């Protein structure tokens, strides 16, 4: 799978049960501290919303390079399938 490939993520779950507020707070802290790119940060916001059932994008498609960046920084658990687990 190339970095420019697009993948549809069907399911986003949490490794820990959290409220939407906790998720958004953790998201802000993790992106600032880790130097996440702007585009990957946007993907992380979309994934967080998708996990909480907040509709922001009907497509649920993501660039592989953004998912790889988030996984490399341990912000998500993703093994190349259509399932992402939020950390």
PDB file of N, CA and C in Angstrom:
ATOM      1  N   UNK A   1       0.848  -1.167   0.000  1.00  0.00           N
ATOM      2  CA  UNK A   1       0.000   0.000   0.000  1.00  0.00           C
ATOM      3  C   UNK A   1       0.903   1.242   0.000  1.00  0.00           C
ATOM      4  N   UNK A   2       0.689   2.128  -0.978  1.00  0.00           N
ATOM      5  CA  UNK A   2       1.502   3.340  -1.092  1.00  0.00           C
ATOM      6  C   UNK A   2       0.933   4.452  -0.220  1.00  0.00           C
ATOM      7  N   UNK A   3       1.787   5.400   0.132  1.00  0.00           N
ATOM      8  CA  UNK A   3       1.387   6.514   0.984  1.00  0.00           C
ATOM      9  C   UNK A   3       0.269   7.361   0.382  1.00  0.00           C
ATOM     10  N   UNK A   4       0.197   7.439  -0.934  1.00  0.00           N
ATOM     11  CA  UNK A   4      -0.826   8.259  -1.574  1.00  0.00           C
ATOM     12  C   UNK A   4      -2.147   7.523  -1.755  1.00  0.00           C
ATOM     13  N   UNK A   5      -2.158   6.241  -1.425  1.00  0.00           N
ATOM     14  CA  UNK A   5      -3.398   5.462  -1.498  1.00  0.00           C
ATOM     15  C   UNK A   5      -4.421   6.000  -0.512  1.00  0.00           C
ATOM     16  N   UNK A   6      -5.666   5.799  -0.862  1.00  0.00           N
ATOM     17  CA  UNK A   6      -6.779   6.179   0.001  1.00  0.00           C
ATOM     18  C   UNK A   6      -7.435   4.906   0.507  1.00  0.00           C
ATOM     19  N   UNK A   7      -7.809   4.898   1.772  1.00  0.00           N
ATOM     20  CA  UNK A   7      -8.488   3.746   2.356  1.00  0.00           C
ATOM     21  C   UNK A   7      -9.744   4.232   3.067  1.00  0.00           C
ATOM     22  N   UNK A   8     -10.783   3.443   2.978  1.00  0.00           N
ATOM     23  CA  UNK A   8     -12.026   3.746   3.686  1.00  0.00           C
ATOM     24  C   UNK A   8     -11.980   3.053   5.045  1.00  0.00           C
ATOM     25  N   UNK A   9     -12.143   3.827   6.096  1.00  0.00           N
ATOM     26  CA  UNK A   9     -12.159   3.287   7.451  1.00  0.00           C
ATOM     27  C   UNK A   9     -13.617   3.102   7.852  1.00  0.00           C
ATOM     28  N   UNK A  10     -14.007   1.864   8.030  1.00  0.00           N
ATOM     29  CA  UNK A  10     -15.395   1.536   8.357  1.00  0.00           C
ATOM     30  C   UNK A  10     -15.692   1.680   9.848  1.00  0.00           C
ATOM     31  N   UNK A  11     -14.726   1.301  10.684  1.00  0.00           N
ATOM     32  CA  UNK A  11     -14.964   1.248  12.120  1.00  0.00           C
ATOM     33  C   UNK A  11     -13.843   1.948  12.871  1.00  0.00           C
ATOM     34  N   UNK A  12     -14.230   2.836  13.786  1.00  0.00           N
ATOM     35  CA  UNK A  12     -13.276   3.483  14.676  1.00  0.00           C
ATOM     36  C   UNK A  12     -13.758   3.219  16.096  1.00  0.00           C
ATOM     37  N   UNK A  13     -12.900   2.614  16.890  1.00  0.00           N
ATOM     38  CA  UNK A  13     -13.240   2.301  18.271  1.00  0.00           C
ATOM     39  C   UNK A  13     -12.184   2.908  19.192  1.00  0.00           C
ATOM     40  N   UNK A  14     -12.376   2.734  20.476  1.00  0.00           N
ATOM     41  CA  UNK A  14     -11.440   3.249  21.468  1.00  0.00           C
ATOM     42  C   UNK A  14     -10.799   2.100  22.222  1.00  0.00           C
ATOM     43  N   UNK A  15      -9.523   2.259  22.507  1.00  0.00           N
ATOM     44  CA  UNK A  15      -8.865   1.311  23.393  1.00  0.00           C
ATOM     45  C   UNK A  15      -9.321   1.547  24.828  1.00  0.00           C
ATOM     46  N   UNK A  16      -9.681   2.794  25.152  1.00  0.00           N
ATOM     47  CA  UNK A  16     -10.196   3.169  26.474  1.00  0.00           C
ATOM     48  C   UNK A  16     -11.536   3.869  26.279  1.00  0.00           C
ATOM     49  N   UNK A  17     -12.474   3.658  27.171  1.00  0.00           N
ATOM     50  CA  UNK A  17     -13.746   4.366  27.101  1.00  0.00           C
ATOM     51  C   UNK A  17     -13.552   5.790  27.572  1.00  0.00           C
ATOM     52  N   UNK A  18     -13.969   6.734  26.754  1.00  0.00           N
ATOM     53  CA  UNK A  18     -13.824   8.142  27.093  1.00  0.00           C
ATOM     54  C   UNK A  18     -15.002   8.935  26.558  1.00  0.00           C
ATOM     55  N   UNK A  19     -15.188  10.094  27.143  1.00  0.00           N
ATOM     56  CA  UNK A  19     -16.204  11.018  26.654  1.00  0.00           C
ATOM     57  C   UNK A  19     -15.645  11.772  25.450  1.00  0.00           C
ATOM     58  N   UNK A  20     -16.516  12.422  24.710  1.00  0.00           N
ATOM     59  CA  UNK A  20     -16.090  13.239  23.575  1.00  0.00           C
ATOM     60  C   UNK A  20     -15.130  14.334  24.047  1.00  0.00           C
ATOM     61  N   UNK A  21     -15.414  14.941  25.196  1.00  0.00           N
ATOM     62  CA  UNK A  21     -14.563  16.009  25.722  1.00  0.00           C
ATOM     63  C   UNK A  21     -13.160  15.494  26.032  1.00  0.00           C
ATOM     64  N   UNK A  22     -13.080  14.318  26.657  1.00  0.00           N
ATOM     65  CA  UNK A  22     -11.773  13.737  26.964  1.00  0.00           C
ATOM     66  C   UNK A  22     -11.005  13.428  25.682  1.00  0.00           C
ATOM     67  N   UNK A  23     -11.705  12.911  24.685  1.00  0.00           N
ATOM     68  CA  UNK A  23     -11.065  12.574  23.409  1.00  0.00           C
ATOM     69  C   UNK A  23     -10.493  13.809  22.741  1.00  0.00           C
ATOM     70  N   UNK A  24     -11.283  14.885  22.700  1.00  0.00           N
ATOM     71  CA  UNK A  24     -10.830  16.121  22.053  1.00  0.00           C
ATOM     72  C   UNK A  24      -9.657  16.725  22.823  1.00  0.00           C
ATOM     73  N   UNK A  25      -9.724  16.694  24.146  1.00  0.00           N
ATOM     74  CA  UNK A  25      -8.621  17.203  24.951  1.00  0.00           C
ATOM     75  C   UNK A  25      -7.344  16.422  24.719  1.00  0.00           C
ATOM     76  N   UNK A  26      -7.453  15.111  24.674  1.00  0.00           N
ATOM     77  CA  UNK A  26      -6.290  14.256  24.441  1.00  0.00           C
ATOM     78  C   UNK A  26      -5.744  14.481  23.040  1.00  0.00           C
ATOM     79  N   UNK A  27      -6.636  14.668  22.086  1.00  0.00           N
ATOM     80  CA  UNK A  27      -6.243  14.909  20.705  1.00  0.00           C
ATOM     81  C   UNK A  27      -5.380  16.166  20.629  1.00  0.00           C
ATOM     82  N   UNK A  28      -5.835  17.253  21.265  1.00  0.00           N
ATOM     83  CA  UNK A  28      -5.073  18.499  21.242  1.00  0.00           C
ATOM     84  C   UNK A  28      -3.705  18.346  21.873  1.00  0.00           C
ATOM     85  N   UNK A  29      -3.646  17.694  23.009  1.00  0.00           N
ATOM     86  CA  UNK A  29      -2.373  17.490  23.698  1.00  0.00           C
ATOM     87  C   UNK A  29      -1.417  16.632  22.871  1.00  0.00           C
ATOM     88  N   UNK A  30      -1.924  15.588  22.282  1.00  0.00           N
ATOM     89  CA  UNK A  30      -1.056  14.655  21.568  1.00  0.00           C
ATOM     90  C   UNK A  30      -0.513  15.243  20.277  1.00  0.00           C
ATOM     91  N   UNK A  31      -1.298  16.035  19.577  1.00  0.00           N
ATOM     92  CA  UNK A  31      -0.805  16.598  18.317  1.00  0.00           C
ATOM     93  C   UNK A  31       0.208  17.698  18.571  1.00  0.00           C
ATOM     94  N   UNK A  32      -0.022  18.523  19.583  1.00  0.00           N
ATOM     95  CA  UNK A  32       0.919  19.599  19.886  1.00  0.00           C
ATOM     96  C   UNK A  32       2.259  19.050  20.340  1.00  0.00           C
ATOM     97  N   UNK A  33       2.227  18.058  21.183  1.00  0.00           N
ATOM     98  CA  UNK A  33       3.463  17.506  21.749  1.00  0.00           C
ATOM     99  C   UNK A  33       4.280  16.701  20.755  1.00  0.00           C
ATOM    100  N   UNK A  34       3.618  16.121  19.747  1.00  0.00           N
ATOM    101  CA  UNK A  34       4.299  15.212  18.833  1.00  0.00           C
ATOM    102  C   UNK A  34       4.634  15.815  17.476  1.00  0.00           C
ATOM    103  N   UNK A  35       4.272  17.070  17.226  1.00  0.00           N
ATOM    104  CA  UNK A  35       4.582  17.696  15.949  1.00  0.00           C
ATOM    105  C   UNK A  35       3.870  17.055  14.779  1.00  0.00           C
ATOM    106  N   UNK A  36       2.620  16.682  14.971  1.00  0.00           N
ATOM    107  CA  UNK A  36       1.836  16.038  13.916  1.00  0.00           C
ATOM    108  C   UNK A  36       1.552  17.052  12.806  1.00  0.00           C
ATOM    109  N   UNK A  37       1.643  16.612  11.554  1.00  0.00           N
ATOM    110  CA  UNK A  37       1.351  17.500  10.430  1.00  0.00           C
ATOM    111  C   UNK A  37      -0.095  17.976  10.486  1.00  0.00           C
ATOM    112  N   UNK A  38      -0.354  19.100   9.861  1.00  0.00           N
ATOM    113  CA  UNK A  38      -1.696  19.672   9.840  1.00  0.00           C
ATOM    114  C   UNK A  38      -2.694  18.709   9.207  1.00  0.00           C
ATOM    115  N   UNK A  39      -2.309  18.086   8.106  1.00  0.00           N
ATOM    116  CA  UNK A  39      -3.221  17.167   7.419  1.00  0.00           C
ATOM    117  C   UNK A  39      -3.509  15.927   8.263  1.00  0.00           C
ATOM    118  N   UNK A  40      -2.503  15.399   8.948  1.00  0.00           N
ATOM    119  CA  UNK A  40      -2.721  14.236   9.809  1.00  0.00           C
ATOM    120  C   UNK A  40      -3.556  14.625  11.027  1.00  0.00           C
ATOM    121  N   UNK A  41      -3.382  15.845  11.521  1.00  0.00           N
ATOM    122  CA  UNK A  41      -4.211  16.328  12.628  1.00  0.00           C
ATOM    123  C   UNK A  41      -5.672  16.381  12.202  1.00  0.00           C
ATOM    124  N   UNK A  42      -5.927  16.867  10.994  1.00  0.00           N
ATOM    125  CA  UNK A  42      -7.301  16.904  10.474  1.00  0.00           C
ATOM    126  C   UNK A  42      -7.871  15.493  10.376  1.00  0.00           C
ATOM    127  N   UNK A  43      -7.057  14.535   9.944  1.00  0.00           N
ATOM    128  CA  UNK A  43      -7.507  13.146   9.872  1.00  0.00           C
ATOM    129  C   UNK A  43      -7.826  12.617  11.266  1.00  0.00           C
ATOM    130  N   UNK A  44      -7.009  12.979  12.249  1.00  0.00           N
ATOM    131  CA  UNK A  44      -7.243  12.531  13.620  1.00  0.00           C
ATOM    132  C   UNK A  44      -8.536  13.123  14.178  1.00  0.00           C
ATOM    133  N   UNK A  45      -8.818  14.367  13.849  1.00  0.00           N
ATOM    134  CA  UNK A  45     -10.085  14.992  14.264  1.00  0.00           C
ATOM    135  C   UNK A  45     -11.256  14.245  13.636  1.00  0.00           C
ATOM    136  N   UNK A  46     -11.153  13.958  12.353  1.00  0.00           N
ATOM    137  CA  UNK A  46     -12.229  13.224  11.666  1.00  0.00           C
ATOM    138  C   UNK A  46     -12.418  11.836  12.266  1.00  0.00           C
ATOM    139  N   UNK A  47     -11.321  11.144  12.558  1.00  0.00           N
ATOM    140  CA  UNK A  47     -11.419   9.817  13.176  1.00  0.00           C
ATOM    141  C   UNK A  47     -12.081   9.901  14.545  1.00  0.00           C
ATOM    142  N   UNK A  48     -11.722  10.919  15.320  1.00  0.00           N
ATOM    143  CA  UNK A  48     -12.313  11.104  16.647  1.00  0.00           C
ATOM    144  C   UNK A  48     -13.815  11.330  16.527  1.00  0.00           C
ATOM    145  N   UNK A  49     -14.215  12.178  15.597  1.00  0.00           N
ATOM    146  CA  UNK A  49     -15.642  12.421  15.379  1.00  0.00           C
ATOM    147  C   UNK A  49     -16.341  11.145  14.920  1.00  0.00           C
ATOM    148  N   UNK A  50     -15.716  10.420  14.019  1.00  0.00           N
ATOM    149  CA  UNK A  50     -16.299   9.166  13.530  1.00  0.00           C
ATOM    150  C   UNK A  50     -16.478   8.184  14.685  1.00  0.00           C
ATOM    151  N   UNK A  51     -15.511   8.112  15.570  1.00  0.00           N
ATOM    152  CA  UNK A  51     -15.595   7.197  16.714  1.00  0.00           C
ATOM    153  C   UNK A  51     -16.751   7.553  17.631  1.00  0.00           C
ATOM    154  N   UNK A  52     -17.059   8.832  17.726  1.00  0.00           N
ATOM    155  CA  UNK A  52     -18.141   9.292  18.600  1.00  0.00           C
ATOM    156  C   UNK A  52     -19.473   9.425  17.863  1.00  0.00           C
ATOM    157  N   UNK A  53     -19.503   9.034  16.594  1.00  0.00           N
ATOM    158  CA  UNK A  53     -20.747   9.095  15.836  1.00  0.00           C
ATOM    159  C   UNK A  53     -21.159  10.491  15.423  1.00  0.00           C
ATOM    160  N   UNK A  54     -20.211  11.428  15.406  1.00  0.00           N
ATOM    161  CA  UNK A  54     -20.482  12.791  14.966  1.00  0.00           C
ATOM    162  C   UNK A  54     -20.186  12.861  13.474  1.00  0.00           C
ATOM    163  N   UNK A  55     -21.164  13.215  12.697  1.00  0.00           N
ATOM    164  CA  UNK A  55     -21.035  13.205  11.246  1.00  0.00           C
ATOM    165  C   UNK A  55     -20.349  14.477  10.757  1.00  0.00           C
ATOM    166  N   UNK A  56     -19.139  14.330  10.222  1.00  0.00           N
ATOM    167  CA  UNK A  56     -18.426  15.455   9.620  1.00  0.00           C
ATOM    168  C   UNK A  56     -18.035  15.160   8.176  1.00  0.00           C
ATOM    169  N   UNK A  57     -18.016  13.901   7.814  1.00  0.00           N
ATOM    170  CA  UNK A  57     -17.599  13.504   6.477  1.00  0.00           C
ATOM    171  C   UNK A  57     -18.235  12.162   6.150  1.00  0.00           C
ATOM    172  N   UNK A  58     -18.991  12.148   5.078  1.00  0.00           N
ATOM    173  CA  UNK A  58     -19.678  10.912   4.684  1.00  0.00           C
ATOM    174  C   UNK A  58     -18.741   9.856   4.113  1.00  0.00           C
ATOM    175  N   UNK A  59     -17.623  10.264   3.549  1.00  0.00           N
ATOM    176  CA  UNK A  59     -16.784   9.315   2.813  1.00  0.00           C
ATOM    177  C   UNK A  59     -16.002   8.359   3.713  1.00  0.00           C
ATOM    178  N   UNK A  60     -15.574   8.821   4.874  1.00  0.00           N
ATOM    179  CA  UNK A  60     -14.744   8.017   5.780  1.00  0.00           C
ATOM    180  C   UNK A  60     -13.488   7.506   5.083  1.00  0.00           C
ATOM    181  N   UNK A  61     -12.999   8.263   4.105  1.00  0.00           N
ATOM    182  CA  UNK A  61     -11.759   7.886   3.433  1.00  0.00           C
ATOM    183  C   UNK A  61     -10.609   8.732   3.958  1.00  0.00           C
ATOM    184  N   UNK A  62      -9.452   8.103   4.039  1.00  0.00           N
ATOM    185  CA  UNK A  62      -8.259   8.729   4.595  1.00  0.00           C
ATOM    186  C   UNK A  62      -7.063   8.380   3.731  1.00  0.00           C
ATOM    187  N   UNK A  63      -6.105   9.296   3.656  1.00  0.00           N
ATOM    188  CA  UNK A  63      -4.857   8.976   2.987  1.00  0.00           C
ATOM    189  C   UNK A  63      -4.043   8.050   3.882  1.00  0.00           C
ATOM    190  N   UNK A  64      -3.476   7.035   3.289  1.00  0.00           N
ATOM    191  CA  UNK A  64      -2.676   6.062   4.020  1.00  0.00           C
ATOM    192  C   UNK A  64      -1.515   6.756   4.739  1.00  0.00           C
ATOM    193  N   UNK A  65      -0.904   7.746   4.102  1.00  0.00           N
ATOM    194  CA  UNK A  65       0.247   8.414   4.730  1.00  0.00           C
ATOM    195  C   UNK A  65      -0.136   9.084   6.040  1.00  0.00           C
ATOM    196  N   UNK A  66      -1.367   9.612   6.140  1.00  0.00           N
ATOM    197  CA  UNK A  66      -1.805  10.248   7.386  1.00  0.00           C
ATOM    198  C   UNK A  66      -2.022   9.201   8.478  1.00  0.00           C
ATOM    199  N   UNK A  67      -2.617   8.082   8.101  1.00  0.00           N
ATOM    200  CA  UNK A  67      -2.823   7.011   9.074  1.00  0.00           C
ATOM    201  C   UNK A  67      -1.483   6.438   9.537  1.00  0.00           C
ATOM    202  N   UNK A  68      -0.556   6.309   8.616  1.00  0.00           N
ATOM    203  CA  UNK A  68       0.782   5.810   8.990  1.00  0.00           C
ATOM    204  C   UNK A  68       1.480   6.772   9.941  1.00  0.00           C
ATOM    205  N   UNK A  69       1.350   8.074   9.674  1.00  0.00           N
ATOM    206  CA  UNK A  69       1.965   9.066  10.559  1.00  0.00           C
ATOM    207  C   UNK A  69       1.375   8.976  11.965  1.00  0.00           C
ATOM    208  N   UNK A  70       0.058   8.891  12.044  1.00  0.00           N
ATOM    209  CA  UNK A  70      -0.606   8.801  13.346  1.00  0.00           C
ATOM    210  C   UNK A  70      -0.242   7.510  14.069  1.00  0.00           C
ATOM    211  N   UNK A  71      -0.146   6.423  13.318  1.00  0.00           N
ATOM    212  CA  UNK A  71       0.242   5.132  13.917  1.00  0.00           C
ATOM    213  C   UNK A  71       1.697   5.171  14.398  1.00  0.00           C
ATOM    214  N   UNK A  72       2.575   5.740  13.574  1.00  0.00           N
ATOM    215  CA  UNK A  72       4.002   5.812  13.927  1.00  0.00           C
ATOM    216  C   UNK A  72       4.200   6.602  15.226  1.00  0.00           C
ATOM    217  N   UNK A  73       3.356   7.618  15.441  1.00  0.00           N
ATOM    218  CA  UNK A  73       3.450   8.431  16.652  1.00  0.00           C
ATOM    219  C   UNK A  73       2.635   7.851  17.804  1.00  0.00           C
ATOM    220  N   UNK A  74       2.082   6.658  17.595  1.00  0.00           N
ATOM    221  CA  UNK A  74       1.285   5.944  18.606  1.00  0.00           C
ATOM    222  C   UNK A  74       0.028   6.709  19.022  1.00  0.00           C
ATOM    223  N   UNK A  75      -0.557   7.452  18.077  1.00  0.00           N
ATOM    224  CA  UNK A  75      -1.804   8.166  18.351  1.00  0.00           C
ATOM    225  C   UNK A  75      -3.023   7.331  17.980  1.00  0.00           C
ATOM    226  N   UNK A  76      -2.814   6.346  17.111  1.00  0.00           N
ATOM    227  CA  UNK A  76      -3.867   5.386  16.764  1.00  0.00           C
ATOM    228  C   UNK A  76      -3.229   4.010  16.661  1.00  0.00           C
ATOM    229  N   UNK A  77      -4.070   2.997  16.743  1.00  0.00           N
ATOM    230  CA  UNK A  77      -3.631   1.631  16.457  1.00  0.00           C
ATOM    231  C   UNK A  77      -4.279   1.270  15.121  1.00  0.00           C
ATOM    232  N   UNK A  78      -3.461   0.981  14.102  1.00  0.00           N
ATOM    233  CA  UNK A  78      -3.969   0.676  12.767  1.00  0.00           C
ATOM    234  C   UNK A  78      -3.018  -0.306  12.109  1.00  0.00           C
ATOM    235  N   UNK A  79      -3.572  -1.370  11.547  1.00  0.00           N
ATOM    236  CA  UNK A  79      -2.725  -2.381  10.911  1.00  0.00           C
ATOM    237  C   UNK A  79      -2.994  -2.515   9.412  1.00  0.00           C
ATOM    238  N   UNK A  80      -3.520  -1.450   8.803  1.00  0.00           N
ATOM    239  CA  UNK A  80      -3.734  -1.449   7.354  1.00  0.00           C
ATOM    240  C   UNK A  80      -5.110  -1.920   6.940  1.00  0.00           C
ATOM    241  N   UNK A  81      -5.970  -2.226   7.890  1.00  0.00           N
ATOM    242  CA  UNK A  81      -7.329  -2.672   7.569  1.00  0.00           C
ATOM    243  C   UNK A  81      -8.300  -1.498   7.659  1.00  0.00           C
ATOM    244  N   UNK A  82      -9.586  -1.804   7.620  1.00  0.00           N
ATOM    245  CA  UNK A  82     -10.595  -0.741   7.695  1.00  0.00           C
ATOM    246  C   UNK A  82     -11.021  -0.462   9.136  1.00  0.00           C
ATOM    247  N   UNK A  83     -10.193  -0.866  10.099  1.00  0.00           N
ATOM    248  CA  UNK A  83     -10.464  -0.648  11.515  1.00  0.00           C
ATOM    249  C   UNK A  83      -9.346   0.183  12.134  1.00  0.00           C
ATOM    250  N   UNK A  84      -9.729   1.240  12.829  1.00  0.00           N
ATOM    251  CA  UNK A  84      -8.785   2.071  13.585  1.00  0.00           C
ATOM    252  C   UNK A  84      -9.224   2.061  15.042  1.00  0.00           C
ATOM    253  N   UNK A  85      -8.254   1.910  15.924  1.00  0.00           N
ATOM    254  CA  UNK A  85      -8.527   2.025  17.361  1.00  0.00           C
ATOM    255  C   UNK A  85      -7.847   3.292  17.856  1.00  0.00           C
ATOM    256  N   UNK A  86      -8.633   4.152  18.472  1.00  0.00           N
ATOM    257  CA  UNK A  86      -8.105   5.400  19.024  1.00  0.00           C
ATOM    258  C   UNK A  86      -7.400   5.087  20.331  1.00  0.00           C
ATOM    259  N   UNK A  87      -6.277   5.720  20.551  1.00  0.00           N
ATOM    260  CA  UNK A  87      -5.508   5.507  21.774  1.00  0.00           C
ATOM    261  C   UNK A  87      -6.012   6.423  22.854  1.00  0.00           C
TER     262      UNK A  87
END
